[in-house]
Protein backbone atom coordinates (compact mmCIF):
# COMPACT_ATOMS: atom_id res chain seq x y z
CA MET A 1 -53.17 -13.47 79.35
CA PRO A 2 -55.92 -11.58 81.55
CA SER A 3 -55.08 -13.47 84.48
CA ARG A 4 -56.92 -10.77 86.83
CA ILE A 5 -60.30 -11.98 84.95
CA ILE A 6 -59.65 -15.53 85.18
CA VAL A 7 -58.12 -16.83 88.14
CA PRO A 8 -60.31 -15.27 90.53
CA ARG A 9 -63.01 -17.40 88.77
CA MET A 10 -61.37 -20.21 89.08
CA LEU A 11 -60.62 -20.29 92.25
CA ALA A 12 -63.98 -19.59 93.25
CA GLU A 13 -64.95 -22.55 91.41
CA ILE A 14 -62.34 -24.71 93.03
CA ARG A 15 -63.27 -23.50 96.46
CA ARG A 16 -66.90 -24.18 95.78
CA GLY A 17 -66.18 -27.92 95.39
CA ASN A 18 -63.78 -27.75 98.62
CA PRO A 19 -63.41 -25.18 100.75
CA LYS A 20 -60.35 -26.31 102.32
CA ALA A 21 -58.58 -26.69 98.95
CA ASP A 22 -54.95 -26.17 99.47
CA VAL A 23 -54.51 -24.15 96.07
CA THR A 24 -50.80 -23.43 94.98
CA ILE A 25 -50.40 -21.08 92.01
CA LEU A 26 -47.38 -21.94 89.93
CA ILE A 27 -45.85 -19.44 87.59
CA ALA A 28 -44.78 -21.25 84.26
CA THR A 29 -41.84 -19.30 83.61
CA GLY A 30 -40.82 -22.24 81.14
CA CYS A 31 -36.71 -21.63 81.08
CA HIS A 32 -36.87 -17.78 81.35
CA ARG A 33 -36.37 -15.32 84.49
CA GLU A 34 -38.26 -15.47 87.41
CA THR A 35 -41.12 -12.90 87.53
CA THR A 36 -41.13 -10.33 89.79
CA ARG A 37 -43.32 -8.91 92.44
CA ALA A 38 -44.21 -6.12 90.40
CA GLU A 39 -44.94 -8.32 87.30
CA LEU A 40 -46.96 -10.59 89.83
CA GLU A 41 -49.34 -7.72 91.62
CA ASP A 42 -49.75 -6.33 87.50
CA LYS A 43 -50.76 -9.96 86.64
CA PHE A 44 -52.92 -11.00 89.33
CA GLY A 45 -54.03 -7.57 91.34
CA PRO A 46 -52.96 -7.06 95.04
CA GLU A 47 -55.35 -9.48 96.52
CA ILE A 48 -54.15 -12.43 94.98
CA LEU A 49 -50.73 -11.38 95.56
CA LYS A 50 -51.66 -11.38 99.50
CA ASN A 51 -53.83 -14.01 100.15
CA GLU A 52 -52.76 -16.94 97.73
CA LYS A 53 -49.74 -19.08 97.62
CA ILE A 54 -47.80 -18.71 94.93
CA ILE A 55 -44.69 -20.45 93.64
CA ILE A 56 -42.16 -19.32 90.47
CA HIS A 57 -41.33 -22.52 88.42
CA ASP A 58 -37.48 -22.90 88.62
CA CYS A 59 -36.15 -25.00 85.60
CA ASP A 60 -33.01 -25.61 87.43
CA SER A 61 -34.33 -26.43 90.79
CA LEU A 62 -33.50 -30.16 92.53
CA ASP A 63 -37.65 -30.42 93.06
CA MET A 64 -38.44 -32.28 89.86
CA ILE A 65 -39.59 -35.50 89.04
CA TYR A 66 -38.87 -37.77 85.93
CA LEU A 67 -41.96 -38.76 84.05
CA GLY A 68 -40.61 -41.26 81.62
CA LYS A 69 -39.31 -40.38 77.64
CA LEU A 70 -41.26 -37.94 75.38
CA PRO A 71 -42.09 -39.50 72.19
CA SER A 72 -38.72 -38.10 70.77
CA GLY A 73 -36.91 -40.31 72.94
CA GLY A 74 -35.71 -36.91 75.29
CA ASP A 75 -36.18 -37.16 79.40
CA LEU A 76 -39.66 -35.94 80.29
CA ILE A 77 -38.79 -33.94 83.87
CA ILE A 78 -41.60 -31.87 85.38
CA ASN A 79 -41.89 -29.89 88.46
CA LYS A 80 -42.51 -31.99 91.31
CA LEU A 81 -45.46 -29.41 92.89
CA ALA A 82 -47.32 -30.00 89.54
CA ALA A 83 -46.53 -33.63 89.42
CA GLU A 84 -47.39 -34.59 92.58
CA ALA A 85 -51.02 -32.22 92.66
CA ASP A 86 -54.19 -34.10 92.74
CA LEU A 87 -55.39 -31.54 90.51
CA LEU A 88 -53.44 -30.00 88.06
CA ILE A 89 -55.18 -27.41 85.75
CA ALA A 90 -53.87 -24.29 83.64
CA GLU A 91 -55.13 -20.95 82.50
CA GLY A 92 -53.08 -19.66 79.10
CA PHE A 93 -53.75 -17.70 76.37
CA ILE A 94 -53.90 -18.58 72.36
CA GLU A 95 -51.65 -17.28 70.16
CA PRO A 96 -49.87 -17.90 67.32
CA HIS A 97 -46.19 -19.30 67.71
CA PHE A 98 -43.63 -18.90 65.91
CA PHE A 99 -41.96 -22.78 66.19
CA ALA A 100 -45.02 -24.71 68.40
CA GLY A 101 -47.24 -23.80 66.37
CA PHE A 102 -49.68 -21.72 68.78
CA SER A 103 -49.02 -20.83 72.68
CA GLY A 104 -51.67 -22.12 75.40
CA GLY A 105 -52.54 -25.46 76.16
CA ARG A 106 -50.12 -27.90 76.53
CA LYS A 107 -47.11 -25.31 76.61
CA SER A 108 -48.57 -24.74 80.09
CA VAL A 109 -46.55 -28.00 80.74
CA LEU A 110 -43.54 -28.29 78.29
CA PRO A 111 -41.54 -25.48 78.71
CA GLY A 112 -44.04 -23.92 81.26
CA ILE A 113 -42.83 -25.89 84.15
CA ALA A 114 -40.40 -28.78 82.47
CA GLY A 115 -36.75 -28.84 83.63
CA ARG A 116 -33.94 -27.13 81.41
CA LYS A 117 -32.94 -30.39 80.11
CA THR A 118 -36.53 -31.36 78.70
CA VAL A 119 -36.81 -28.02 76.96
CA VAL A 120 -33.61 -27.54 75.59
CA TYR A 121 -34.03 -31.03 73.71
CA ASN A 122 -37.67 -30.23 72.67
CA HIS A 123 -36.35 -27.27 71.02
CA ASN A 124 -33.33 -28.86 69.43
CA ALA A 125 -31.89 -27.86 65.79
CA GLU A 126 -33.58 -30.76 63.99
CA PHE A 127 -36.76 -29.61 65.20
CA ILE A 128 -36.64 -26.03 64.67
CA ALA A 129 -35.24 -26.40 61.15
CA HIS A 130 -38.49 -29.18 60.86
CA PRO A 131 -41.15 -27.68 58.06
CA GLN A 132 -43.92 -28.42 60.34
CA ALA A 133 -42.39 -26.55 63.10
CA ARG A 134 -43.81 -22.97 62.03
CA THR A 135 -46.78 -20.42 62.89
CA GLY A 136 -50.05 -22.09 63.00
CA ILE A 137 -49.06 -25.70 62.54
CA VAL A 138 -49.64 -28.75 64.88
CA GLU A 139 -50.25 -31.45 62.38
CA GLY A 140 -47.10 -33.29 62.12
CA ASN A 141 -44.86 -30.81 64.35
CA PRO A 142 -42.25 -32.57 66.73
CA ILE A 143 -42.31 -29.91 69.37
CA HIS A 144 -46.09 -29.89 69.59
CA ILE A 145 -46.02 -33.66 69.44
CA ASP A 146 -43.67 -33.74 72.51
CA MET A 147 -45.21 -31.10 74.27
CA LEU A 148 -49.12 -32.34 74.35
CA TYR A 149 -47.23 -36.07 75.35
CA ALA A 150 -45.79 -34.10 78.49
CA ALA A 151 -49.36 -32.73 79.04
CA ARG A 152 -51.36 -35.69 78.93
CA LYS A 153 -48.24 -37.57 81.04
CA ALA A 154 -48.32 -34.69 84.02
CA ARG A 155 -51.61 -35.42 84.02
CA LEU A 156 -53.18 -32.00 83.26
CA ASP A 157 -57.10 -32.06 83.82
CA PHE A 158 -58.70 -28.98 82.94
CA ILE A 159 -57.54 -26.01 80.82
CA CYS A 160 -59.11 -22.47 80.53
CA ASN A 161 -57.79 -20.65 77.82
CA VAL A 162 -58.86 -17.52 75.61
CA VAL A 163 -58.24 -15.55 73.01
CA ILE A 164 -57.36 -11.79 73.07
CA ASN A 165 -58.13 -9.00 71.06
CA ALA A 166 -55.57 -5.74 70.12
CA ARG A 167 -57.24 -3.81 73.30
CA LYS A 168 -56.13 -7.22 75.60
CA GLU A 169 -60.05 -8.03 75.69
CA VAL A 170 -61.13 -11.41 76.09
CA ILE A 171 -63.03 -12.16 72.94
CA TYR A 172 -63.30 -16.11 73.45
CA ALA A 173 -62.94 -19.01 75.90
CA ALA A 174 -62.53 -22.48 75.88
CA SER A 175 -62.29 -24.43 78.92
CA GLY A 176 -61.82 -28.34 79.49
CA ASP A 177 -59.90 -31.04 77.95
CA CYS A 178 -56.30 -29.84 77.56
CA ASP A 179 -56.11 -31.06 73.62
CA LEU A 180 -59.93 -30.47 72.88
CA ALA A 181 -60.35 -26.84 74.27
CA HIS A 182 -57.13 -26.00 72.88
CA LYS A 183 -57.93 -26.79 69.45
CA ALA A 184 -61.37 -24.85 69.58
CA GLY A 185 -59.74 -21.98 70.63
CA ARG A 186 -57.07 -22.43 67.75
CA GLU A 187 -59.82 -23.03 65.10
CA PHE A 188 -61.64 -19.52 66.65
CA LEU A 189 -57.96 -17.86 66.05
CA VAL A 190 -57.25 -18.71 62.71
CA GLY A 191 -60.75 -17.30 61.61
CA LYS A 192 -59.63 -13.96 63.17
CA CYS A 193 -56.10 -13.43 62.15
CA GLN A 194 -54.80 -15.44 59.41
CA VAL A 195 -53.70 -13.89 55.92
CA ARG A 196 -52.13 -14.89 52.66
CA ALA A 197 -48.67 -13.58 52.39
CA ALA A 198 -48.08 -11.24 49.40
CA ASP A 199 -47.51 -12.61 45.78
CA PRO A 200 -45.33 -12.21 44.56
CA PRO A 201 -43.22 -11.46 48.25
CA VAL A 202 -42.47 -7.63 48.42
CA ASP A 203 -39.39 -5.47 48.75
CA ILE A 204 -39.80 -4.44 51.81
CA VAL A 205 -41.93 -5.40 55.34
CA ILE A 206 -42.55 -3.15 58.16
CA VAL A 207 -43.63 -5.13 61.24
CA THR A 208 -44.14 -4.56 64.61
CA ASN A 209 -43.58 -7.45 67.51
CA GLY A 210 -46.95 -5.57 69.06
CA GLY A 211 -46.10 -3.49 71.94
CA TYR A 212 -45.55 -4.62 75.38
CA PRO A 213 -44.76 -6.72 76.74
CA LEU A 214 -43.29 -8.46 73.62
CA ASP A 215 -41.30 -5.51 72.56
CA GLN A 216 -39.19 -4.94 75.76
CA ASN A 217 -36.51 -7.06 73.96
CA ILE A 218 -34.42 -7.90 70.74
CA TYR A 219 -34.89 -12.20 71.16
CA GLN A 220 -38.35 -11.67 71.55
CA ALA A 221 -38.59 -9.27 68.96
CA VAL A 222 -37.28 -12.55 66.38
CA LYS A 223 -41.20 -13.65 66.56
CA GLY A 224 -41.99 -10.54 64.74
CA MET A 225 -39.54 -11.26 62.10
CA THR A 226 -40.59 -14.24 61.32
CA ALA A 227 -44.03 -13.55 60.02
CA ALA A 228 -42.36 -10.92 57.62
CA GLU A 229 -39.85 -13.43 56.77
CA THR A 230 -42.90 -15.22 55.33
CA THR A 231 -44.13 -12.21 52.97
CA VAL A 232 -40.63 -10.47 51.92
CA ARG A 233 -38.73 -11.39 48.80
CA LYS A 234 -35.68 -12.64 49.24
CA GLY A 235 -32.94 -10.45 49.58
CA GLY A 236 -35.17 -7.69 50.90
CA VAL A 237 -35.87 -5.84 53.92
CA ILE A 238 -37.37 -6.39 56.92
CA ILE A 239 -37.53 -3.27 59.18
CA GLN A 240 -38.89 -4.82 63.09
CA LEU A 241 -39.82 -1.61 65.34
CA ALA A 242 -39.27 -2.73 69.10
CA ALA A 243 -38.62 -0.51 71.69
CA SER A 244 -35.93 -2.98 73.19
CA GLY A 245 -35.64 -1.13 76.59
CA ASP A 246 -34.26 -4.21 78.05
CA GLY A 247 -31.63 -4.57 75.58
CA HIS A 248 -30.71 -7.81 73.62
CA GLY A 249 -32.93 -10.32 76.16
CA ALA A 250 -30.45 -13.06 76.14
CA SER A 251 -26.99 -13.04 76.97
CA GLU A 252 -26.60 -16.62 75.08
CA PHE A 253 -28.24 -15.25 72.31
CA TYR A 254 -26.36 -12.38 71.98
CA LYS A 255 -22.71 -13.99 72.43
CA THR A 256 -23.74 -16.17 69.46
CA PHE A 257 -23.95 -13.38 67.03
CA ALA A 258 -21.31 -11.08 68.61
CA GLU A 259 -18.83 -13.97 68.28
CA GLU A 260 -20.25 -15.57 65.20
CA LYS A 261 -20.35 -13.11 61.96
CA ASP A 262 -20.27 -16.44 59.44
CA LEU A 263 -24.32 -17.23 59.49
CA ASP A 264 -23.72 -20.61 57.34
CA ARG A 265 -21.53 -21.79 59.82
CA MET A 266 -23.51 -20.84 62.65
CA LEU A 267 -26.23 -22.76 61.48
CA ASP A 268 -24.34 -26.06 60.35
CA THR A 269 -22.96 -25.82 63.83
CA PHE A 270 -26.41 -26.22 65.43
CA MET A 271 -27.39 -28.92 63.13
CA ARG A 272 -24.36 -30.95 64.17
CA THR A 273 -25.48 -30.32 67.72
CA PRO A 274 -26.82 -33.23 69.50
CA ARG A 275 -30.56 -32.74 70.66
CA GLU A 276 -29.41 -34.13 74.15
CA THR A 277 -26.48 -30.88 73.81
CA THR A 278 -28.78 -28.26 72.74
CA ARG A 279 -27.28 -24.69 73.71
CA VAL A 280 -29.98 -22.19 75.47
CA ASP A 281 -31.11 -20.10 73.53
CA GLN A 282 -29.66 -21.84 70.13
CA TRP A 283 -33.28 -22.41 68.80
CA GLN A 284 -33.91 -18.91 69.15
CA SER A 285 -30.62 -18.05 67.06
CA GLN A 286 -31.71 -20.29 64.47
CA ILE A 287 -34.60 -18.94 63.55
CA PHE A 288 -33.02 -15.35 64.03
CA ALA A 289 -30.10 -16.65 61.45
CA ARG A 290 -32.80 -18.17 58.82
CA VAL A 291 -34.12 -14.85 58.75
CA LEU A 292 -31.08 -12.80 58.81
CA LYS A 293 -30.26 -15.01 55.63
CA HIS A 294 -33.62 -14.12 53.94
CA ALA A 295 -33.50 -10.35 54.39
CA ARG A 296 -31.49 -7.84 55.57
CA VAL A 297 -33.06 -6.16 59.02
CA ILE A 298 -33.39 -2.69 59.69
CA TYR A 299 -34.30 -2.30 63.45
CA VAL A 300 -36.22 0.73 65.11
CA SER A 301 -35.82 0.68 68.65
CA GLU A 302 -34.30 1.99 72.22
CA ALA A 303 -31.41 -0.35 71.99
CA PRO A 304 -27.64 0.54 71.81
CA ASP A 305 -26.50 0.92 67.80
CA GLU A 306 -23.50 -1.52 68.67
CA MET A 307 -25.76 -4.07 70.44
CA VAL A 308 -28.00 -3.84 67.19
CA GLN A 309 -25.05 -4.00 64.73
CA ASP A 310 -23.46 -7.12 67.18
CA LEU A 311 -27.13 -9.02 66.09
CA HIS A 312 -26.41 -8.57 62.57
CA MET A 313 -28.94 -5.83 61.78
CA THR A 314 -29.06 -1.75 61.12
CA PRO A 315 -29.88 0.00 63.76
CA ALA A 316 -32.29 2.97 62.87
CA HIS A 317 -34.48 5.44 65.30
CA SER A 318 -37.57 6.03 63.28
CA ILE A 319 -39.82 4.48 60.54
CA GLU A 320 -39.04 7.51 58.22
CA GLU A 321 -35.08 6.97 58.36
CA ALA A 322 -35.35 3.09 58.04
CA VAL A 323 -37.55 3.44 54.72
CA LYS A 324 -34.83 5.71 53.52
CA MET A 325 -32.57 3.39 54.45
CA ALA A 326 -34.13 -0.02 52.76
CA GLU A 327 -34.76 2.02 49.44
CA GLU A 328 -31.22 3.03 49.23
CA TYR A 329 -30.21 -0.68 50.10
CA LEU A 330 -32.29 -1.97 47.45
CA GLY A 331 -31.54 0.88 45.21
CA ASN A 332 -35.29 1.46 44.65
CA LYS A 333 -37.06 4.14 45.74
CA ASN A 334 -40.50 2.66 44.41
CA ALA A 335 -39.99 -0.39 46.47
CA SER A 336 -42.87 -2.28 46.86
CA ILE A 337 -43.88 -2.37 51.02
CA ALA A 338 -46.03 -4.58 53.29
CA VAL A 339 -46.72 -3.60 56.86
CA ILE A 340 -47.94 -5.99 59.72
CA PRO A 341 -49.06 -3.78 62.66
CA ASP A 342 -48.61 -7.20 65.13
CA GLY A 343 -46.23 -9.85 63.91
CA VAL A 344 -46.66 -12.02 66.88
CA ALA A 345 -50.70 -12.05 66.61
CA VAL A 346 -50.63 -12.68 62.78
CA ILE A 347 -50.61 -16.30 60.67
CA VAL A 348 -49.12 -15.43 57.55
CA ARG A 349 -49.75 -18.55 55.11
CA ASN A 350 -47.61 -19.09 51.95
């Protein structure tokens, strides 16, 4: 999200209307780790970091407010600062999302500034397994339905969402109502990034996570794999390239695969887990296990080989090595290959 461009303009517009407006920038981290000061400066620039009041959302904080029940029955709990604001607005960027359909819009509230209890309920195994909880789909998507309800209930009055290109440049902006503006952005994006899956599916798919910042760990790299999953044949090979300098990226995610080698048993455990007791990062593990059951994954990264193996993948250190390994595994030196340069940014339709 090019916040250096968007946020100064949003602040200027607010202060033209009310020079004395008490503005707080709330960083919508969801259940992820706290944003570092260096990351904030990189995101906003030194002037905003120095002059504005910035609070980082903590999903486990006691400063939360209960806003009733979600359509799914879960408790809607959000950050008190947002709930008590006279005007709640959000910036965001729209890209394909592997189970919410698209990023941006309503996601600024759920999961962005929601309590952990609300997030894990929304990301339950039943919803993650739902056939509509896929990249580029919002109609009938139970995860999206809860998210949009949460945004409305939180009185998210205005959004400015953008679409960016491969050079991280803004090529489209939509602002206004949290649903209608987001819909306009989605419709623009689909026209630029949707492709048909290979028919028949290919033997090998080479995919990346689009580089920094989404290639920092294995947890995030699962997103790119889901694009490859859609176009690789059953029993084929996905070659995922992601630097993964931060390692696995999520301890519970790593522990799940390191301790359980039977993917069927793992998935069965997830599906038997009640919505309200969904484990941390269970959703990512569920999707990753689904990918691993569909195809073998060879992982090209800087992560330790043992860590990659603990996550049920085969480590490699170059594309050439990975392709050779895939061909040997398939027993076919003439295997068909598809390449997805950025698996996070594309919608692959069957």
